Amino acid sequence: MVIDKEKIIHVSKLARISLDKKKSEALAKDLSSIFKFIEQLNELNTDKIEPLSSILNEPLRSRQDLISDGKIRDKVLKNSPKKNEEFFVVPKVIE
């Protein structure tokens, strides 16, 4: 599939996108090369190839779901302009 400058201009008008002539020419070249590559991929015979959900042949390893504060509370609170014991102080938003 070849995308020419006129198609780019037509689609940009439909999408309400403003493009100048230089950008539309560059975009036409880029989209044409992308569609040529997609056509090459469509020519591949994938009948005997099973779909993959992952490139690894192993199932995902499980881990325990542990709750942790990261033990960096003091370091984080040092970045706060105002703090109250163990919490950030923020301005009131709703009156």
PDB file of N, CA and C in Angstrom:
ATOM      1  N   MET A   1       0.848  -1.174   0.000  1.00  0.00           N
ATOM      2  CA  MET A   1       0.000   0.000   0.000  1.00  0.00           C
ATOM      3  C   MET A   1       0.894   1.237   0.000  1.00  0.00           C
ATOM      4  N   VAL A   2       0.641   2.112  -0.903  1.00  0.00           N
ATOM      5  CA  VAL A   2       1.409   3.339  -1.003  1.00  0.00           C
ATOM      6  C   VAL A   2       0.556   4.495  -0.481  1.00  0.00           C
ATOM      7  N   ILE A   3       1.138   5.237   0.418  1.00  0.00           N
ATOM      8  CA  ILE A   3       0.459   6.412   0.975  1.00  0.00           C
ATOM      9  C   ILE A   3       1.087   7.637   0.316  1.00  0.00           C
ATOM     10  N   ASP A   4       0.285   8.377  -0.412  1.00  0.00           N
ATOM     11  CA  ASP A   4       0.824   9.583  -1.041  1.00  0.00           C
ATOM     12  C   ASP A   4       0.433  10.819  -0.239  1.00  0.00           C
ATOM     13  N   LYS A   5       0.970  11.945  -0.674  1.00  0.00           N
ATOM     14  CA  LYS A   5       0.769  13.205   0.052  1.00  0.00           C
ATOM     15  C   LYS A   5      -0.707  13.597   0.102  1.00  0.00           C
ATOM     16  N   GLU A   6      -1.452  13.311  -0.966  1.00  0.00           N
ATOM     17  CA  GLU A   6      -2.869  13.676  -1.005  1.00  0.00           C
ATOM     18  C   GLU A   6      -3.672  12.919   0.049  1.00  0.00           C
ATOM     19  N   LYS A   7      -3.345  11.626   0.244  1.00  0.00           N
ATOM     20  CA  LYS A   7      -4.040  10.841   1.269  1.00  0.00           C
ATOM     21  C   LYS A   7      -3.736  11.396   2.667  1.00  0.00           C
ATOM     22  N   ILE A   8      -2.495  11.776   2.882  1.00  0.00           N
ATOM     23  CA  ILE A   8      -2.110  12.339   4.178  1.00  0.00           C
ATOM     24  C   ILE A   8      -2.880  13.631   4.444  1.00  0.00           C
ATOM     25  N   ILE A   9      -2.972  14.477   3.438  1.00  0.00           N
ATOM     26  CA  ILE A   9      -3.688  15.748   3.593  1.00  0.00           C
ATOM     27  C   ILE A   9      -5.169  15.491   3.849  1.00  0.00           C
ATOM     28  N   HIS A  10      -5.745  14.506   3.130  1.00  0.00           N
ATOM     29  CA  HIS A  10      -7.163  14.179   3.314  1.00  0.00           C
ATOM     30  C   HIS A  10      -7.424  13.678   4.737  1.00  0.00           C
ATOM     31  N   VAL A  11      -6.584  12.770   5.218  1.00  0.00           N
ATOM     32  CA  VAL A  11      -6.776  12.221   6.563  1.00  0.00           C
ATOM     33  C   VAL A  11      -6.541  13.297   7.620  1.00  0.00           C
ATOM     34  N   SER A  12      -5.571  14.179   7.379  1.00  0.00           N
ATOM     35  CA  SER A  12      -5.328  15.243   8.362  1.00  0.00           C
ATOM     36  C   SER A  12      -6.512  16.204   8.439  1.00  0.00           C
ATOM     37  N   LYS A  13      -7.182  16.441   7.304  1.00  0.00           N
ATOM     38  CA  LYS A  13      -8.384  17.282   7.341  1.00  0.00           C
ATOM     39  C   LYS A  13      -9.500  16.595   8.108  1.00  0.00           C
ATOM     40  N   LEU A  14      -9.659  15.283   7.881  1.00  0.00           N
ATOM     41  CA  LEU A  14     -10.697  14.544   8.609  1.00  0.00           C
ATOM     42  C   LEU A  14     -10.430  14.535  10.112  1.00  0.00           C
ATOM     43  N   ALA A  15      -9.159  14.449  10.480  1.00  0.00           N
ATOM     44  CA  ALA A  15      -8.793  14.409  11.896  1.00  0.00           C
ATOM     45  C   ALA A  15      -8.630  15.792  12.492  1.00  0.00           C
ATOM     46  N   ARG A  16      -8.799  16.823  11.676  1.00  0.00           N
ATOM     47  CA  ARG A  16      -8.657  18.205  12.111  1.00  0.00           C
ATOM     48  C   ARG A  16      -7.244  18.470  12.646  1.00  0.00           C
ATOM     49  N   ILE A  17      -6.248  17.945  11.910  1.00  0.00           N
ATOM     50  CA  ILE A  17      -4.850  18.136  12.252  1.00  0.00           C
ATOM     51  C   ILE A  17      -4.224  19.010  11.175  1.00  0.00           C
ATOM     52  N   SER A  18      -3.532  20.036  11.578  1.00  0.00           N
ATOM     53  CA  SER A  18      -2.893  20.896  10.583  1.00  0.00           C
ATOM     54  C   SER A  18      -1.483  20.386  10.299  1.00  0.00           C
ATOM     55  N   LEU A  19      -1.179  20.205   9.021  1.00  0.00           N
ATOM     56  CA  LEU A  19       0.143  19.765   8.581  1.00  0.00           C
ATOM     57  C   LEU A  19       0.633  20.695   7.487  1.00  0.00           C
ATOM     58  N   ASP A  20       1.902  21.031   7.545  1.00  0.00           N
ATOM     59  CA  ASP A  20       2.445  21.784   6.428  1.00  0.00           C
ATOM     60  C   ASP A  20       2.939  20.805   5.359  1.00  0.00           C
ATOM     61  N   LYS A  21       3.351  21.317   4.209  1.00  0.00           N
ATOM     62  CA  LYS A  21       3.707  20.458   3.077  1.00  0.00           C
ATOM     63  C   LYS A  21       4.927  19.599   3.363  1.00  0.00           C
ATOM     64  N   LYS A  22       5.922  20.142   4.060  1.00  0.00           N
ATOM     65  CA  LYS A  22       7.126  19.367   4.365  1.00  0.00           C
ATOM     66  C   LYS A  22       6.805  18.192   5.281  1.00  0.00           C
ATOM     67  N   LYS A  23       5.983  18.452   6.295  1.00  0.00           N
ATOM     68  CA  LYS A  23       5.626  17.374   7.219  1.00  0.00           C
ATOM     69  C   LYS A  23       4.775  16.321   6.534  1.00  0.00           C
ATOM     70  N   SER A  24       3.877  16.727   5.646  1.00  0.00           N
ATOM     71  CA  SER A  24       3.029  15.752   4.970  1.00  0.00           C
ATOM     72  C   SER A  24       3.848  14.872   4.030  1.00  0.00           C
ATOM     73  N   GLU A  25       4.871  15.427   3.386  1.00  0.00           N
ATOM     74  CA  GLU A  25       5.726  14.612   2.519  1.00  0.00           C
ATOM     75  C   GLU A  25       6.537  13.612   3.343  1.00  0.00           C
ATOM     76  N   ALA A  26       7.097  14.068   4.453  1.00  0.00           N
ATOM     77  CA  ALA A  26       7.869  13.168   5.314  1.00  0.00           C
ATOM     78  C   ALA A  26       6.979  12.090   5.915  1.00  0.00           C
ATOM     79  N   LEU A  27       5.790  12.471   6.312  1.00  0.00           N
ATOM     80  CA  LEU A  27       4.850  11.513   6.890  1.00  0.00           C
ATOM     81  C   LEU A  27       4.413  10.488   5.852  1.00  0.00           C
ATOM     82  N   ALA A  28       4.219  10.908   4.621  1.00  0.00           N
ATOM     83  CA  ALA A  28       3.848   9.979   3.549  1.00  0.00           C
ATOM     84  C   ALA A  28       4.952   8.957   3.324  1.00  0.00           C
ATOM     85  N   LYS A  29       6.206   9.390   3.327  1.00  0.00           N
ATOM     86  CA  LYS A  29       7.329   8.459   3.164  1.00  0.00           C
ATOM     87  C   LYS A  29       7.374   7.459   4.315  1.00  0.00           C
ATOM     88  N   ASP A  30       7.253   7.967   5.537  1.00  0.00           N
ATOM     89  CA  ASP A  30       7.329   7.098   6.713  1.00  0.00           C
ATOM     90  C   ASP A  30       6.197   6.081   6.727  1.00  0.00           C
ATOM     91  N   LEU A  31       4.977   6.530   6.479  1.00  0.00           N
ATOM     92  CA  LEU A  31       3.839   5.608   6.501  1.00  0.00           C
ATOM     93  C   LEU A  31       3.921   4.585   5.375  1.00  0.00           C
ATOM     94  N   SER A  32       4.417   4.996   4.214  1.00  0.00           N
ATOM     95  CA  SER A  32       4.574   4.043   3.109  1.00  0.00           C
ATOM     96  C   SER A  32       5.561   2.948   3.472  1.00  0.00           C
ATOM     97  N   SER A  33       6.675   3.320   4.092  1.00  0.00           N
ATOM     98  CA  SER A  33       7.649   2.293   4.481  1.00  0.00           C
ATOM     99  C   SER A  33       7.095   1.380   5.567  1.00  0.00           C
ATOM    100  N   ILE A  34       6.294   1.918   6.473  1.00  0.00           N
ATOM    101  CA  ILE A  34       5.685   1.089   7.521  1.00  0.00           C
ATOM    102  C   ILE A  34       4.713   0.092   6.890  1.00  0.00           C
ATOM    103  N   PHE A  35       3.875   0.560   5.958  1.00  0.00           N
ATOM    104  CA  PHE A  35       2.911  -0.343   5.326  1.00  0.00           C
ATOM    105  C   PHE A  35       3.602  -1.383   4.449  1.00  0.00           C
ATOM    106  N   LYS A  36       4.719  -1.042   3.823  1.00  0.00           N
ATOM    107  CA  LYS A  36       5.474  -2.030   3.047  1.00  0.00           C
ATOM    108  C   LYS A  36       6.001  -3.125   3.955  1.00  0.00           C
ATOM    109  N   PHE A  37       6.485  -2.744   5.128  1.00  0.00           N
ATOM    110  CA  PHE A  37       6.977  -3.737   6.076  1.00  0.00           C
ATOM    111  C   PHE A  37       5.841  -4.624   6.573  1.00  0.00           C
ATOM    112  N   ILE A  38       4.676  -4.046   6.813  1.00  0.00           N
ATOM    113  CA  ILE A  38       3.520  -4.844   7.248  1.00  0.00           C
ATOM    114  C   ILE A  38       3.123  -5.830   6.158  1.00  0.00           C
ATOM    115  N   GLU A  39       3.180  -5.418   4.903  1.00  0.00           N
ATOM    116  CA  GLU A  39       2.870  -6.328   3.803  1.00  0.00           C
ATOM    117  C   GLU A  39       3.873  -7.475   3.744  1.00  0.00           C
ATOM    118  N   GLN A  40       5.138  -7.215   4.028  1.00  0.00           N
ATOM    119  CA  GLN A  40       6.130  -8.280   4.077  1.00  0.00           C
ATOM    120  C   GLN A  40       5.807  -9.261   5.193  1.00  0.00           C
ATOM    121  N   LEU A  41       5.390  -8.754   6.340  1.00  0.00           N
ATOM    122  CA  LEU A  41       5.033  -9.642   7.450  1.00  0.00           C
ATOM    123  C   LEU A  41       3.807 -10.484   7.115  1.00  0.00           C
ATOM    124  N   ASN A  42       2.870  -9.925   6.369  1.00  0.00           N
ATOM    125  CA  ASN A  42       1.667 -10.674   5.998  1.00  0.00           C
ATOM    126  C   ASN A  42       1.974 -11.816   5.037  1.00  0.00           C
ATOM    127  N   GLU A  43       3.096 -11.746   4.335  1.00  0.00           N
ATOM    128  CA  GLU A  43       3.458 -12.810   3.399  1.00  0.00           C
ATOM    129  C   GLU A  43       4.062 -14.023   4.095  1.00  0.00           C
ATOM    130  N   LEU A  44       4.444 -13.894   5.341  1.00  0.00           N
ATOM    131  CA  LEU A  44       5.048 -15.014   6.063  1.00  0.00           C
ATOM    132  C   LEU A  44       4.017 -16.098   6.349  1.00  0.00           C
ATOM    133  N   ASN A  45       4.450 -17.353   6.230  1.00  0.00           N
ATOM    134  CA  ASN A  45       3.585 -18.488   6.520  1.00  0.00           C
ATOM    135  C   ASN A  45       3.700 -18.808   8.012  1.00  0.00           C
ATOM    136  N   THR A  46       2.638 -18.582   8.755  1.00  0.00           N
ATOM    137  CA  THR A  46       2.642 -18.817  10.200  1.00  0.00           C
ATOM    138  C   THR A  46       1.647 -19.905  10.595  1.00  0.00           C
ATOM    139  N   ASP A  47       1.328 -20.817   9.659  1.00  0.00           N
ATOM    140  CA  ASP A  47       0.324 -21.850   9.937  1.00  0.00           C
ATOM    141  C   ASP A  47       0.753 -22.798  11.052  1.00  0.00           C
ATOM    142  N   LYS A  48       2.022 -23.194  11.066  1.00  0.00           N
ATOM    143  CA  LYS A  48       2.477 -24.189  12.035  1.00  0.00           C
ATOM    144  C   LYS A  48       3.113 -23.562  13.273  1.00  0.00           C
ATOM    145  N   ILE A  49       2.987 -22.273  13.434  1.00  0.00           N
ATOM    146  CA  ILE A  49       3.591 -21.584  14.565  1.00  0.00           C
ATOM    147  C   ILE A  49       2.509 -21.245  15.583  1.00  0.00           C
ATOM    148  N   GLU A  50       2.751 -21.690  16.817  1.00  0.00           N
ATOM    149  CA  GLU A  50       1.779 -21.424  17.879  1.00  0.00           C
ATOM    150  C   GLU A  50       1.970 -20.013  18.421  1.00  0.00           C
ATOM    151  N   PRO A  51       0.875 -19.339  18.772  1.00  0.00           N
ATOM    152  CA  PRO A  51       1.008 -17.994  19.338  1.00  0.00           C
ATOM    153  C   PRO A  51       1.703 -18.032  20.694  1.00  0.00           C
ATOM    154  N   LEU A  52       2.440 -16.979  20.994  1.00  0.00           N
ATOM    155  CA  LEU A  52       3.160 -16.882  22.258  1.00  0.00           C
ATOM    156  C   LEU A  52       2.489 -15.861  23.169  1.00  0.00           C
ATOM    157  N   SER A  53       2.462 -16.170  24.440  1.00  0.00           N
ATOM    158  CA  SER A  53       2.057 -15.160  25.409  1.00  0.00           C
ATOM    159  C   SER A  53       3.292 -14.596  26.100  1.00  0.00           C
ATOM    160  N   SER A  54       4.421 -15.295  25.953  1.00  0.00           N
ATOM    161  CA  SER A  54       5.677 -14.847  26.517  1.00  0.00           C
ATOM    162  C   SER A  54       6.806 -15.488  25.725  1.00  0.00           C
ATOM    163  N   ILE A  55       7.970 -14.855  25.705  1.00  0.00           N
ATOM    164  CA  ILE A  55       9.097 -15.461  25.005  1.00  0.00           C
ATOM    165  C   ILE A  55       9.782 -16.514  25.862  1.00  0.00           C
ATOM    166  N   LEU A  56       9.449 -16.574  27.138  1.00  0.00           N
ATOM    167  CA  LEU A  56      10.030 -17.568  28.031  1.00  0.00           C
ATOM    168  C   LEU A  56       9.195 -18.834  28.002  1.00  0.00           C
ATOM    169  N   ASN A  57       9.847 -19.977  28.108  1.00  0.00           N
ATOM    170  CA  ASN A  57       9.127 -21.247  28.141  1.00  0.00           C
ATOM    171  C   ASN A  57       8.793 -21.666  29.562  1.00  0.00           C
ATOM    172  N   GLU A  58       8.994 -20.793  30.513  1.00  0.00           N
ATOM    173  CA  GLU A  58       8.731 -21.098  31.911  1.00  0.00           C
ATOM    174  C   GLU A  58       7.526 -20.312  32.403  1.00  0.00           C
ATOM    175  N   PRO A  59       6.769 -20.869  33.332  1.00  0.00           N
ATOM    176  CA  PRO A  59       5.690 -20.071  33.933  1.00  0.00           C
ATOM    177  C   PRO A  59       6.291 -18.997  34.843  1.00  0.00           C
ATOM    178  N   LEU A  60       5.522 -17.982  35.111  1.00  0.00           N
ATOM    179  CA  LEU A  60       5.998 -16.916  35.984  1.00  0.00           C
ATOM    180  C   LEU A  60       6.178 -17.433  37.404  1.00  0.00           C
ATOM    181  N   ARG A  61       7.270 -17.019  38.023  1.00  0.00           N
ATOM    182  CA  ARG A  61       7.528 -17.427  39.400  1.00  0.00           C
ATOM    183  C   ARG A  61       6.687 -16.582  40.349  1.00  0.00           C
ATOM    184  N   SER A  62       6.109 -17.227  41.344  1.00  0.00           N
ATOM    185  CA  SER A  62       5.310 -16.509  42.346  1.00  0.00           C
ATOM    186  C   SER A  62       6.218 -16.042  43.463  1.00  0.00           C
ATOM    187  N   ARG A  63       5.801 -15.004  44.111  1.00  0.00           N
ATOM    188  CA  ARG A  63       6.505 -14.534  45.295  1.00  0.00           C
ATOM    189  C   ARG A  63       5.467 -14.167  46.335  1.00  0.00           C
ATOM    190  N   GLN A  64       5.914 -14.104  47.557  1.00  0.00           N
ATOM    191  CA  GLN A  64       4.995 -13.735  48.624  1.00  0.00           C
ATOM    192  C   GLN A  64       4.652 -12.256  48.493  1.00  0.00           C
ATOM    193  N   ASP A  65       3.409 -11.947  48.767  1.00  0.00           N
ATOM    194  CA  ASP A  65       2.951 -10.567  48.725  1.00  0.00           C
ATOM    195  C   ASP A  65       3.104  -9.977  50.122  1.00  0.00           C
ATOM    196  N   LEU A  66       4.231  -9.315  50.341  1.00  0.00           N
ATOM    197  CA  LEU A  66       4.525  -8.761  51.653  1.00  0.00           C
ATOM    198  C   LEU A  66       4.356  -7.247  51.637  1.00  0.00           C
ATOM    199  N   ILE A  67       3.823  -6.730  52.723  1.00  0.00           N
ATOM    200  CA  ILE A  67       3.665  -5.284  52.868  1.00  0.00           C
ATOM    201  C   ILE A  67       4.905  -4.743  53.565  1.00  0.00           C
ATOM    202  N   SER A  68       5.508  -3.716  52.952  1.00  0.00           N
ATOM    203  CA  SER A  68       6.716  -3.130  53.523  1.00  0.00           C
ATOM    204  C   SER A  68       6.693  -1.624  53.289  1.00  0.00           C
ATOM    205  N   ASP A  69       7.186  -0.866  54.262  1.00  0.00           N
ATOM    206  CA  ASP A  69       7.246   0.580  54.082  1.00  0.00           C
ATOM    207  C   ASP A  69       8.553   0.996  53.423  1.00  0.00           C
ATOM    208  N   GLY A  70       9.419   0.063  53.142  1.00  0.00           N
ATOM    209  CA  GLY A  70      10.671   0.360  52.477  1.00  0.00           C
ATOM    210  C   GLY A  70      11.760   0.833  53.421  1.00  0.00           C
ATOM    211  N   LYS A  71      11.414   1.085  54.656  1.00  0.00           N
ATOM    212  CA  LYS A  71      12.356   1.526  55.686  1.00  0.00           C
ATOM    213  C   LYS A  71      13.103   2.801  55.295  1.00  0.00           C
ATOM    214  N   ILE A  72      12.416   3.698  54.565  1.00  0.00           N
ATOM    215  CA  ILE A  72      13.054   4.956  54.168  1.00  0.00           C
ATOM    216  C   ILE A  72      12.175   6.155  54.541  1.00  0.00           C
ATOM    217  N   ARG A  73      11.319   6.001  55.538  1.00  0.00           N
ATOM    218  CA  ARG A  73      10.401   7.067  55.910  1.00  0.00           C
ATOM    219  C   ARG A  73      11.145   8.354  56.257  1.00  0.00           C
ATOM    220  N   ASP A  74      12.221   8.251  57.013  1.00  0.00           N
ATOM    221  CA  ASP A  74      12.966   9.453  57.409  1.00  0.00           C
ATOM    222  C   ASP A  74      13.575  10.154  56.200  1.00  0.00           C
ATOM    223  N   LYS A  75      14.104   9.393  55.247  1.00  0.00           N
ATOM    224  CA  LYS A  75      14.681   9.988  54.036  1.00  0.00           C
ATOM    225  C   LYS A  75      13.614  10.716  53.227  1.00  0.00           C
ATOM    226  N   VAL A  76      12.421  10.138  53.132  1.00  0.00           N
ATOM    227  CA  VAL A  76      11.345  10.754  52.363  1.00  0.00           C
ATOM    228  C   VAL A  76      10.860  12.023  53.056  1.00  0.00           C
ATOM    229  N   LEU A  77      10.712  11.973  54.368  1.00  0.00           N
ATOM    230  CA  LEU A  77      10.233  13.145  55.104  1.00  0.00           C
ATOM    231  C   LEU A  77      11.238  14.297  55.093  1.00  0.00           C
ATOM    232  N   LYS A  78      12.515  14.020  54.836  1.00  0.00           N
ATOM    233  CA  LYS A  78      13.503  15.095  54.733  1.00  0.00           C
ATOM    234  C   LYS A  78      13.208  16.001  53.539  1.00  0.00           C
ATOM    235  N   ASN A  79      12.544  15.470  52.501  1.00  0.00           N
ATOM    236  CA  ASN A  79      12.213  16.238  51.303  1.00  0.00           C
ATOM    237  C   ASN A  79      10.995  17.132  51.495  1.00  0.00           C
ATOM    238  N   SER A  80      10.268  16.939  52.576  1.00  0.00           N
ATOM    239  CA  SER A  80       9.034  17.678  52.792  1.00  0.00           C
ATOM    240  C   SER A  80       9.319  19.059  53.371  1.00  0.00           C
ATOM    241  N   PRO A  81       8.672  20.121  52.824  1.00  0.00           N
ATOM    242  CA  PRO A  81       8.860  21.448  53.414  1.00  0.00           C
ATOM    243  C   PRO A  81       8.247  21.551  54.807  1.00  0.00           C
ATOM    244  N   LYS A  82       7.132  20.843  55.030  1.00  0.00           N
ATOM    245  CA  LYS A  82       6.490  20.823  56.349  1.00  0.00           C
ATOM    246  C   LYS A  82       6.144  19.383  56.688  1.00  0.00           C
ATOM    247  N   LYS A  83       6.355  19.018  57.938  1.00  0.00           N
ATOM    248  CA  LYS A  83       5.979  17.680  58.377  1.00  0.00           C
ATOM    249  C   LYS A  83       5.443  17.741  59.798  1.00  0.00           C
ATOM    250  N   ASN A  84       4.628  16.759  60.132  1.00  0.00           N
ATOM    251  CA  ASN A  84       4.038  16.640  61.454  1.00  0.00           C
ATOM    252  C   ASN A  84       4.314  15.223  61.913  1.00  0.00           C
ATOM    253  N   GLU A  85       5.308  15.047  62.742  1.00  0.00           N
ATOM    254  CA  GLU A  85       5.762  13.741  63.212  1.00  0.00           C
ATOM    255  C   GLU A  85       6.118  12.843  62.026  1.00  0.00           C
ATOM    256  N   GLU A  86       5.221  11.943  61.638  1.00  0.00           N
ATOM    257  CA  GLU A  86       5.528  10.971  60.583  1.00  0.00           C
ATOM    258  C   GLU A  86       4.783  11.248  59.283  1.00  0.00           C
ATOM    259  N   PHE A  87       4.168  12.422  59.135  1.00  0.00           N
ATOM    260  CA  PHE A  87       3.314  12.676  57.982  1.00  0.00           C
ATOM    261  C   PHE A  87       3.697  13.977  57.283  1.00  0.00           C
ATOM    262  N   PHE A  88       3.340  14.061  55.995  1.00  0.00           N
ATOM    263  CA  PHE A  88       3.480  15.300  55.248  1.00  0.00           C
ATOM    264  C   PHE A  88       2.363  16.252  55.647  1.00  0.00           C
ATOM    265  N   VAL A  89       2.641  17.559  55.688  1.00  0.00           N
ATOM    266  CA  VAL A  89       1.616  18.570  55.905  1.00  0.00           C
ATOM    267  C   VAL A  89       1.377  19.243  54.556  1.00  0.00           C
ATOM    268  N   VAL A  90       0.121  19.201  54.111  1.00  0.00           N
ATOM    269  CA  VAL A  90      -0.240  19.798  52.821  1.00  0.00           C
ATOM    270  C   VAL A  90      -1.295  20.861  53.040  1.00  0.00           C
ATOM    271  N   PRO A  91      -1.384  21.839  52.134  1.00  0.00           N
ATOM    272  CA  PRO A  91      -2.418  22.865  52.304  1.00  0.00           C
ATOM    273  C   PRO A  91      -3.818  22.295  52.124  1.00  0.00           C
ATOM    274  N   LYS A  92      -4.764  22.888  52.832  1.00  0.00           N
ATOM    275  CA  LYS A  92      -6.156  22.475  52.734  1.00  0.00           C
ATOM    276  C   LYS A  92      -6.692  22.818  51.357  1.00  0.00           C
ATOM    277  N   VAL A  93      -7.364  21.875  50.701  1.00  0.00           N
ATOM    278  CA  VAL A  93      -7.852  22.073  49.346  1.00  0.00           C
ATOM    279  C   VAL A  93      -9.333  22.412  49.355  1.00  0.00           C
ATOM    280  N   ILE A  94     -10.112  21.762  50.189  1.00  0.00           N
ATOM    281  CA  ILE A  94     -11.568  21.969  50.237  1.00  0.00           C
ATOM    282  C   ILE A  94     -11.920  22.741  51.492  1.00  0.00           C
ATOM    283  N   GLU A  95     -12.731  23.772  51.323  1.00  0.00           N
ATOM    284  CA  GLU A  95     -13.132  24.565  52.478  1.00  0.00           C
ATOM    285  C   GLU A  95     -14.527  24.202  52.916  1.00  0.00           C
TER     286      GLU A  95
END
